Amino acid sequence: MMTETREHRLKRMKMRAMRRGIKEMDIILERYADDNLAQMDDSELDLFDALLLENDQDLYQWVTGQQPAPERFARLISAISVAISGQN
């Protein structure tokens, strides 16, 4: 089994963040990834990677506060929401 380098992982996650399917989530997650991925430790990257597997409609509702995020993602969603509210 080949191990993914950190550099490759960051590039993969950045690409996945910006090619979601829903334009709003492309914009939100791409901006968050640009601003935060490089500073994240491995456990934070693992969580963001898992978040990228979630459905866009669910993500959008969590980020905009229309629905509560699952406990597992609550802190990350909160950080993303704060980040995007500061960019308006």
Protein backbone atom coordinates (compact mmCIF):
# COMPACT_ATOMS: atom_id res chain seq x y z
CA MET A 1 0.00 0.00 0.00
CA MET A 2 1.45 3.34 -1.06
CA THR A 3 1.30 6.19 1.45
CA GLU A 4 0.05 9.54 0.24
CA THR A 5 2.47 12.41 0.86
CA ARG A 6 1.21 15.45 2.72
CA GLU A 7 1.74 17.60 -0.37
CA HIS A 8 -0.32 15.24 -2.53
CA ARG A 9 -3.00 14.98 0.12
CA LEU A 10 -3.36 18.75 0.35
CA LYS A 11 -3.60 19.05 -3.44
CA ARG A 12 -6.19 16.28 -3.61
CA MET A 13 -8.28 17.81 -0.85
CA LYS A 14 -8.06 21.28 -2.38
CA MET A 15 -9.26 19.91 -5.72
CA ARG A 16 -12.12 18.03 -4.04
CA ALA A 17 -13.08 21.15 -2.07
CA MET A 18 -13.41 23.23 -5.24
CA ARG A 19 -15.22 20.66 -7.40
CA ARG A 20 -18.24 19.77 -5.33
CA GLY A 21 -21.19 19.95 -7.69
CA ILE A 22 -23.06 22.78 -6.00
CA LYS A 23 -21.40 26.09 -6.88
CA GLU A 24 -22.03 27.57 -3.43
CA MET A 25 -20.18 24.70 -1.77
CA ASP A 26 -17.38 24.97 -4.34
CA ILE A 27 -16.86 28.58 -3.31
CA ILE A 28 -17.24 28.04 0.44
CA LEU A 29 -15.00 24.98 0.72
CA GLU A 30 -12.39 26.23 -1.73
CA ARG A 31 -11.95 29.44 0.27
CA TYR A 32 -11.78 27.54 3.53
CA ALA A 33 -9.27 25.07 2.08
CA ASP A 34 -7.10 27.89 0.69
CA ASP A 35 -7.00 29.60 4.06
CA ASN A 36 -6.65 26.57 6.34
CA LEU A 37 -5.42 23.30 4.85
CA ALA A 38 -1.70 24.05 5.07
CA GLN A 39 -1.93 24.75 8.81
CA MET A 40 -4.02 21.71 9.70
CA ASP A 41 -2.51 18.76 11.55
CA ASP A 42 -3.18 15.18 10.50
CA SER A 43 -6.29 14.71 12.64
CA GLU A 44 -7.79 17.96 11.34
CA LEU A 45 -7.02 16.87 7.78
CA ASP A 46 -8.66 13.50 8.46
CA LEU A 47 -11.82 15.26 9.62
CA PHE A 48 -11.87 17.66 6.66
CA ASP A 49 -11.28 14.73 4.32
CA ALA A 50 -14.28 12.93 5.85
CA LEU A 51 -16.36 16.10 5.52
CA LEU A 52 -15.55 16.21 1.81
CA LEU A 53 -17.32 12.85 1.43
CA GLU A 54 -20.59 14.29 2.71
CA ASN A 55 -23.49 15.29 0.47
CA ASP A 56 -23.45 18.92 -0.73
CA GLN A 57 -27.08 19.56 0.16
CA ASP A 58 -26.39 18.46 3.74
CA LEU A 59 -23.16 20.48 3.92
CA TYR A 60 -24.88 23.61 2.69
CA GLN A 61 -27.64 23.28 5.28
CA TRP A 62 -25.09 22.73 8.06
CA VAL A 63 -22.87 25.66 7.02
CA THR A 64 -25.80 28.03 6.67
CA GLY A 65 -27.37 26.94 9.95
CA GLN A 66 -30.52 25.54 8.37
CA GLN A 67 -29.82 22.18 10.01
CA PRO A 68 -27.49 21.24 12.85
CA ALA A 69 -24.29 19.52 11.81
CA PRO A 70 -23.59 16.03 13.14
CA GLU A 71 -21.59 16.18 16.35
CA ARG A 72 -18.55 14.75 14.58
CA PHE A 73 -18.40 17.78 12.28
CA ALA A 74 -19.90 20.46 14.52
CA ARG A 75 -16.66 22.31 15.35
CA LEU A 76 -15.37 22.17 11.78
CA ILE A 77 -18.69 23.39 10.36
CA SER A 78 -18.68 26.19 12.91
CA ALA A 79 -15.19 27.22 11.83
CA ILE A 80 -16.21 27.17 8.17
CA SER A 81 -19.33 29.21 8.93
CA VAL A 82 -17.32 31.80 10.83
CA ALA A 83 -14.74 31.95 8.04
CA ILE A 84 -17.34 32.56 5.34
CA SER A 85 -19.27 35.12 7.38
CA GLY A 86 -16.05 37.14 7.69
CA GLN A 87 -15.58 37.11 3.90
CA ASN A 88 -18.90 38.77 3.05
